[in-house]
Amino acid sequence: MTYDMVALCRAEPDAAALLGALLAAGPDLKLATVEAAGLVQLFDPGDGRLLLTVETTRLVRVPGETERLLGVALDDSFDGRVWWVECRAPDGDPRAAETGRRFTAELVAITGGLTWASR
């Protein structure tokens, strides 16, 4: 199982925003990409365990979609669209969960928006 988090961003997260959020998640972490799947992964530099997987940014234009999928209603400041950035941490690993929370919090601090977590 995984601990899932979503950054619901008002502005499109550009490369600088994503990189800034990844660095805020853990400047000491090892970063790798899975280009074929459009994923970025963060690993513990000591033992090499996977801490976080970040998916490609998606633009959601369907009104009410975040409420249907996550139970989150967006206010008018989102202007009818939201940039969705989903990430997953292995369940039961407190460092992994904290890494994901730092990533999503920093991303919405940069782009505006809000975060959602599976618990």
N, C-alpha and C. Protein backbone atom coordinates (compact mmCIF):
# COMPACT_ATOMS: atom_id res chain seq x y z
N MET A 1 0.83 -1.18 0.00
CA MET A 1 0.00 0.00 0.00
C MET A 1 0.88 1.25 0.00
N THR A 2 0.25 2.34 -0.35
CA THR A 2 0.98 3.60 -0.40
C THR A 2 0.21 4.69 0.35
N TYR A 3 0.95 5.70 0.73
CA TYR A 3 0.39 6.92 1.29
C TYR A 3 0.38 7.90 0.12
N ASP A 4 -0.81 8.31 -0.33
CA ASP A 4 -0.95 9.14 -1.52
C ASP A 4 -1.19 10.60 -1.14
N MET A 5 -0.56 11.49 -1.88
CA MET A 5 -0.72 12.93 -1.69
C MET A 5 -0.88 13.59 -3.05
N VAL A 6 -1.67 14.67 -3.07
CA VAL A 6 -1.88 15.41 -4.31
C VAL A 6 -1.71 16.89 -4.02
N ALA A 7 -0.94 17.56 -4.86
CA ALA A 7 -0.86 19.02 -4.84
C ALA A 7 -1.83 19.50 -5.91
N LEU A 8 -2.81 20.28 -5.50
CA LEU A 8 -3.78 20.88 -6.43
C LEU A 8 -3.35 22.33 -6.61
N CYS A 9 -2.73 22.62 -7.74
CA CYS A 9 -2.04 23.89 -7.96
C CYS A 9 -2.88 24.85 -8.81
N ARG A 10 -2.91 26.12 -8.41
CA ARG A 10 -3.61 27.14 -9.19
C ARG A 10 -2.84 27.47 -10.47
N ALA A 11 -1.53 27.60 -10.35
CA ALA A 11 -0.68 27.92 -11.50
C ALA A 11 0.05 26.65 -11.93
N GLU A 12 0.35 26.57 -13.21
CA GLU A 12 1.08 25.41 -13.71
C GLU A 12 2.46 25.33 -13.08
N PRO A 13 2.77 24.17 -12.47
CA PRO A 13 4.11 24.01 -11.90
C PRO A 13 5.13 23.85 -13.02
N ASP A 14 6.01 24.83 -13.15
CA ASP A 14 7.06 24.72 -14.16
C ASP A 14 8.23 23.93 -13.58
N ALA A 15 9.27 23.76 -14.37
CA ALA A 15 10.42 22.96 -13.94
C ALA A 15 11.06 23.54 -12.68
N ALA A 16 11.14 24.86 -12.59
CA ALA A 16 11.74 25.49 -11.41
C ALA A 16 10.91 25.22 -10.15
N ALA A 17 9.59 25.28 -10.27
CA ALA A 17 8.72 25.01 -9.13
C ALA A 17 8.85 23.57 -8.67
N LEU A 18 8.85 22.64 -9.63
CA LEU A 18 8.98 21.22 -9.29
C LEU A 18 10.34 20.94 -8.65
N LEU A 19 11.39 21.51 -9.21
CA LEU A 19 12.72 21.29 -8.65
C LEU A 19 12.82 21.89 -7.25
N GLY A 20 12.26 23.08 -7.06
CA GLY A 20 12.27 23.70 -5.74
C GLY A 20 11.54 22.85 -4.71
N ALA A 21 10.41 22.28 -5.10
CA ALA A 21 9.64 21.43 -4.20
C ALA A 21 10.38 20.12 -3.90
N LEU A 22 11.03 19.57 -4.91
CA LEU A 22 11.82 18.35 -4.69
C LEU A 22 12.98 18.61 -3.74
N LEU A 23 13.64 19.76 -3.89
CA LEU A 23 14.74 20.10 -2.99
C LEU A 23 14.22 20.34 -1.57
N ALA A 24 13.06 20.96 -1.44
CA ALA A 24 12.47 21.18 -0.12
C ALA A 24 12.09 19.86 0.54
N ALA A 25 11.75 18.88 -0.26
CA ALA A 25 11.37 17.56 0.28
C ALA A 25 12.55 16.90 0.96
N GLY A 26 13.75 17.20 0.51
CA GLY A 26 14.94 16.61 1.11
C GLY A 26 16.16 16.87 0.26
N PRO A 27 16.92 17.92 0.57
CA PRO A 27 18.07 18.26 -0.26
C PRO A 27 19.15 17.17 -0.29
N ASP A 28 19.11 16.27 0.68
CA ASP A 28 20.11 15.20 0.73
C ASP A 28 19.68 13.94 -0.01
N LEU A 29 18.45 13.92 -0.51
CA LEU A 29 17.92 12.71 -1.14
C LEU A 29 18.46 12.51 -2.55
N LYS A 30 18.55 11.26 -2.95
CA LYS A 30 18.99 10.91 -4.30
C LYS A 30 17.77 10.96 -5.22
N LEU A 31 17.92 11.60 -6.37
CA LEU A 31 16.83 11.75 -7.33
C LEU A 31 17.10 10.88 -8.54
N ALA A 32 16.05 10.22 -9.03
CA ALA A 32 16.14 9.43 -10.26
C ALA A 32 14.86 9.65 -11.05
N THR A 33 14.94 9.45 -12.35
CA THR A 33 13.75 9.57 -13.19
C THR A 33 13.46 8.24 -13.88
N VAL A 34 12.18 8.03 -14.14
CA VAL A 34 11.73 6.90 -14.96
C VAL A 34 11.06 7.58 -16.15
N GLU A 35 11.86 7.92 -17.14
CA GLU A 35 11.38 8.75 -18.24
C GLU A 35 10.22 8.14 -19.01
N ALA A 36 10.25 6.85 -19.23
CA ALA A 36 9.18 6.20 -20.01
C ALA A 36 7.83 6.36 -19.32
N ALA A 37 7.82 6.43 -18.00
CA ALA A 37 6.57 6.57 -17.25
C ALA A 37 6.34 8.00 -16.78
N GLY A 38 7.30 8.89 -17.00
CA GLY A 38 7.16 10.28 -16.57
C GLY A 38 7.21 10.44 -15.06
N LEU A 39 8.01 9.66 -14.38
CA LEU A 39 8.08 9.68 -12.92
C LEU A 39 9.41 10.25 -12.44
N VAL A 40 9.37 10.89 -11.28
CA VAL A 40 10.57 11.29 -10.56
C VAL A 40 10.51 10.56 -9.22
N GLN A 41 11.63 9.99 -8.81
CA GLN A 41 11.67 9.25 -7.55
C GLN A 41 12.78 9.80 -6.66
N LEU A 42 12.48 9.84 -5.35
CA LEU A 42 13.46 10.25 -4.36
C LEU A 42 13.80 9.06 -3.48
N PHE A 43 15.10 8.87 -3.24
CA PHE A 43 15.60 7.73 -2.47
C PHE A 43 16.41 8.21 -1.28
N ASP A 44 16.41 7.42 -0.22
CA ASP A 44 17.25 7.68 0.94
C ASP A 44 18.71 7.47 0.51
N PRO A 45 19.60 8.44 0.76
CA PRO A 45 20.98 8.28 0.31
C PRO A 45 21.75 7.24 1.11
N GLY A 46 21.29 6.93 2.30
CA GLY A 46 22.01 5.97 3.13
C GLY A 46 21.74 4.54 2.76
N ASP A 47 20.47 4.16 2.78
CA ASP A 47 20.14 2.75 2.52
C ASP A 47 19.52 2.52 1.14
N GLY A 48 19.29 3.59 0.38
CA GLY A 48 18.78 3.45 -0.97
C GLY A 48 17.30 3.16 -1.10
N ARG A 49 16.56 3.17 0.03
CA ARG A 49 15.14 2.84 -0.08
C ARG A 49 14.34 3.97 -0.73
N LEU A 50 13.33 3.58 -1.48
CA LEU A 50 12.45 4.54 -2.15
C LEU A 50 11.62 5.27 -1.11
N LEU A 51 11.62 6.62 -1.18
CA LEU A 51 10.83 7.43 -0.27
C LEU A 51 9.62 8.06 -0.95
N LEU A 52 9.74 8.45 -2.21
CA LEU A 52 8.65 9.16 -2.86
C LEU A 52 8.71 8.98 -4.37
N THR A 53 7.56 8.81 -4.97
CA THR A 53 7.42 8.78 -6.43
C THR A 53 6.46 9.90 -6.81
N VAL A 54 6.89 10.77 -7.71
CA VAL A 54 6.09 11.91 -8.16
C VAL A 54 5.72 11.67 -9.62
N GLU A 55 4.43 11.80 -9.91
CA GLU A 55 3.93 11.61 -11.28
C GLU A 55 3.97 12.91 -12.06
N THR A 56 3.79 12.80 -13.36
CA THR A 56 3.73 13.94 -14.26
C THR A 56 2.54 14.84 -13.91
N THR A 57 2.74 16.13 -14.05
CA THR A 57 1.68 17.12 -13.82
C THR A 57 0.57 16.94 -14.84
N ARG A 58 -0.68 17.04 -14.35
CA ARG A 58 -1.84 16.93 -15.25
C ARG A 58 -2.75 18.14 -15.05
N LEU A 59 -3.26 18.67 -16.14
CA LEU A 59 -4.24 19.75 -16.10
C LEU A 59 -5.62 19.13 -16.05
N VAL A 60 -6.40 19.50 -15.04
CA VAL A 60 -7.78 19.02 -14.90
C VAL A 60 -8.70 20.19 -15.22
N ARG A 61 -9.49 20.04 -16.26
CA ARG A 61 -10.40 21.10 -16.70
C ARG A 61 -11.87 20.76 -16.45
N VAL A 62 -12.14 19.55 -16.01
CA VAL A 62 -13.52 19.12 -15.81
C VAL A 62 -14.05 19.68 -14.49
N PRO A 63 -15.07 20.52 -14.53
CA PRO A 63 -15.61 21.07 -13.30
C PRO A 63 -16.09 19.95 -12.36
N GLY A 64 -15.75 20.09 -11.09
CA GLY A 64 -16.19 19.12 -10.10
C GLY A 64 -15.38 17.84 -10.03
N GLU A 65 -14.36 17.70 -10.86
CA GLU A 65 -13.59 16.45 -10.90
C GLU A 65 -12.81 16.21 -9.60
N THR A 66 -12.23 17.26 -9.03
CA THR A 66 -11.50 17.07 -7.78
C THR A 66 -12.45 16.70 -6.64
N GLU A 67 -13.65 17.23 -6.68
CA GLU A 67 -14.63 16.87 -5.65
C GLU A 67 -15.07 15.42 -5.82
N ARG A 68 -15.28 15.00 -7.06
CA ARG A 68 -15.68 13.62 -7.33
C ARG A 68 -14.60 12.64 -6.92
N LEU A 69 -13.34 12.95 -7.24
CA LEU A 69 -12.25 12.02 -6.98
C LEU A 69 -11.70 12.08 -5.56
N LEU A 70 -11.61 13.29 -5.01
CA LEU A 70 -10.96 13.46 -3.71
C LEU A 70 -11.88 13.99 -2.61
N GLY A 71 -13.07 14.46 -3.00
CA GLY A 71 -13.94 15.10 -2.00
C GLY A 71 -13.53 16.53 -1.71
N VAL A 72 -12.74 17.15 -2.61
CA VAL A 72 -12.25 18.51 -2.43
C VAL A 72 -12.94 19.43 -3.43
N ALA A 73 -13.69 20.41 -2.92
CA ALA A 73 -14.32 21.41 -3.77
C ALA A 73 -13.36 22.58 -3.92
N LEU A 74 -13.16 23.02 -5.15
CA LEU A 74 -12.27 24.14 -5.42
C LEU A 74 -13.06 25.44 -5.45
N ASP A 75 -12.47 26.51 -4.91
CA ASP A 75 -13.15 27.80 -4.95
C ASP A 75 -12.90 28.49 -6.29
N ASP A 76 -13.46 29.68 -6.44
CA ASP A 76 -13.37 30.41 -7.71
C ASP A 76 -11.94 30.84 -8.06
N SER A 77 -11.05 30.85 -7.08
CA SER A 77 -9.67 31.28 -7.36
C SER A 77 -8.95 30.33 -8.31
N PHE A 78 -9.47 29.12 -8.49
CA PHE A 78 -8.86 28.17 -9.41
C PHE A 78 -9.31 28.41 -10.85
N ASP A 79 -10.29 29.27 -11.04
CA ASP A 79 -10.75 29.66 -12.38
C ASP A 79 -11.15 28.47 -13.25
N GLY A 80 -11.76 27.47 -12.64
CA GLY A 80 -12.30 26.34 -13.39
C GLY A 80 -11.28 25.30 -13.85
N ARG A 81 -10.05 25.41 -13.40
CA ARG A 81 -9.04 24.42 -13.77
C ARG A 81 -8.05 24.28 -12.62
N VAL A 82 -7.38 23.14 -12.61
CA VAL A 82 -6.39 22.89 -11.56
C VAL A 82 -5.29 22.01 -12.13
N TRP A 83 -4.08 22.26 -11.68
CA TRP A 83 -2.94 21.43 -12.05
C TRP A 83 -2.76 20.41 -10.95
N TRP A 84 -2.82 19.14 -11.30
CA TRP A 84 -2.82 18.02 -10.37
C TRP A 84 -1.44 17.36 -10.40
N VAL A 85 -0.76 17.32 -9.25
CA VAL A 85 0.53 16.64 -9.14
C VAL A 85 0.40 15.61 -8.03
N GLU A 86 0.46 14.36 -8.41
CA GLU A 86 0.26 13.26 -7.46
C GLU A 86 1.59 12.62 -7.10
N CYS A 87 1.70 12.26 -5.83
CA CYS A 87 2.90 11.54 -5.39
C CYS A 87 2.50 10.45 -4.41
N ARG A 88 3.37 9.46 -4.30
CA ARG A 88 3.11 8.30 -3.45
C ARG A 88 4.35 7.98 -2.64
N ALA A 89 4.09 7.67 -1.36
CA ALA A 89 5.16 7.23 -0.46
C ALA A 89 4.81 5.83 0.02
N PRO A 90 5.82 4.98 0.23
CA PRO A 90 5.53 3.66 0.78
C PRO A 90 4.84 3.78 2.14
N ASP A 91 3.81 3.00 2.34
CA ASP A 91 3.06 3.03 3.59
C ASP A 91 3.93 2.52 4.73
N GLY A 92 3.75 3.08 5.91
CA GLY A 92 4.45 2.61 7.09
C GLY A 92 5.85 3.15 7.25
N ASP A 93 6.26 4.10 6.43
CA ASP A 93 7.60 4.69 6.54
C ASP A 93 7.42 6.18 6.87
N PRO A 94 7.60 6.56 8.14
CA PRO A 94 7.38 7.96 8.54
C PRO A 94 8.24 8.96 7.76
N ARG A 95 9.49 8.60 7.44
CA ARG A 95 10.32 9.52 6.67
C ARG A 95 9.77 9.72 5.27
N ALA A 96 9.26 8.66 4.67
CA ALA A 96 8.68 8.76 3.33
C ALA A 96 7.45 9.66 3.34
N ALA A 97 6.58 9.46 4.32
CA ALA A 97 5.36 10.29 4.42
C ALA A 97 5.72 11.75 4.61
N GLU A 98 6.69 12.03 5.47
CA GLU A 98 7.11 13.41 5.70
C GLU A 98 7.74 14.01 4.44
N THR A 99 8.47 13.23 3.69
CA THR A 99 9.05 13.69 2.43
C THR A 99 7.94 14.13 1.47
N GLY A 100 6.90 13.33 1.36
CA GLY A 100 5.77 13.67 0.50
C GLY A 100 5.03 14.91 0.98
N ARG A 101 4.83 15.03 2.28
CA ARG A 101 4.16 16.22 2.82
C ARG A 101 4.97 17.49 2.55
N ARG A 102 6.29 17.40 2.71
CA ARG A 102 7.14 18.57 2.42
C ARG A 102 7.08 18.94 0.94
N PHE A 103 7.12 17.92 0.07
CA PHE A 103 7.05 18.18 -1.37
C PHE A 103 5.75 18.89 -1.75
N THR A 104 4.60 18.33 -1.35
CA THR A 104 3.32 18.92 -1.74
C THR A 104 3.12 20.29 -1.12
N ALA A 105 3.53 20.46 0.14
CA ALA A 105 3.38 21.77 0.80
C ALA A 105 4.21 22.84 0.09
N GLU A 106 5.43 22.51 -0.27
CA GLU A 106 6.28 23.49 -0.96
C GLU A 106 5.75 23.79 -2.35
N LEU A 107 5.26 22.78 -3.05
CA LEU A 107 4.73 23.01 -4.40
C LEU A 107 3.54 23.96 -4.37
N VAL A 108 2.62 23.78 -3.44
CA VAL A 108 1.48 24.71 -3.38
C VAL A 108 1.88 26.06 -2.79
N ALA A 109 2.95 26.12 -2.02
CA ALA A 109 3.45 27.42 -1.57
C ALA A 109 3.96 28.22 -2.76
N ILE A 110 4.53 27.54 -3.73
CA ILE A 110 5.08 28.19 -4.93
C ILE A 110 3.98 28.54 -5.92
N THR A 111 3.05 27.62 -6.16
CA THR A 111 2.05 27.78 -7.23
C THR A 111 0.69 28.26 -6.74
N GLY A 112 0.48 28.26 -5.45
CA GLY A 112 -0.86 28.50 -4.91
C GLY A 112 -1.65 27.22 -4.98
N GLY A 113 -2.63 27.08 -4.15
CA GLY A 113 -3.46 25.89 -4.20
C GLY A 113 -3.62 25.24 -2.85
N LEU A 114 -3.81 23.94 -2.87
CA LEU A 114 -4.01 23.19 -1.64
C LEU A 114 -3.54 21.76 -1.82
N THR A 115 -3.39 21.06 -0.70
CA THR A 115 -2.94 19.68 -0.74
C THR A 115 -4.03 18.76 -0.24
N TRP A 116 -3.94 17.51 -0.65
CA TRP A 116 -4.83 16.44 -0.20
C TRP A 116 -3.95 15.24 0.10
N ALA A 117 -4.33 14.48 1.13
CA ALA A 117 -3.61 13.25 1.45
C ALA A 117 -4.62 12.14 1.74
N SER A 118 -4.20 10.92 1.48
CA SER A 118 -5.10 9.77 1.64
C SER A 118 -5.46 9.51 3.09
N ARG A 119 -4.74 10.08 4.01
CA ARG A 119 -5.11 10.00 5.43
C ARG A 119 -4.51 11.14 6.20
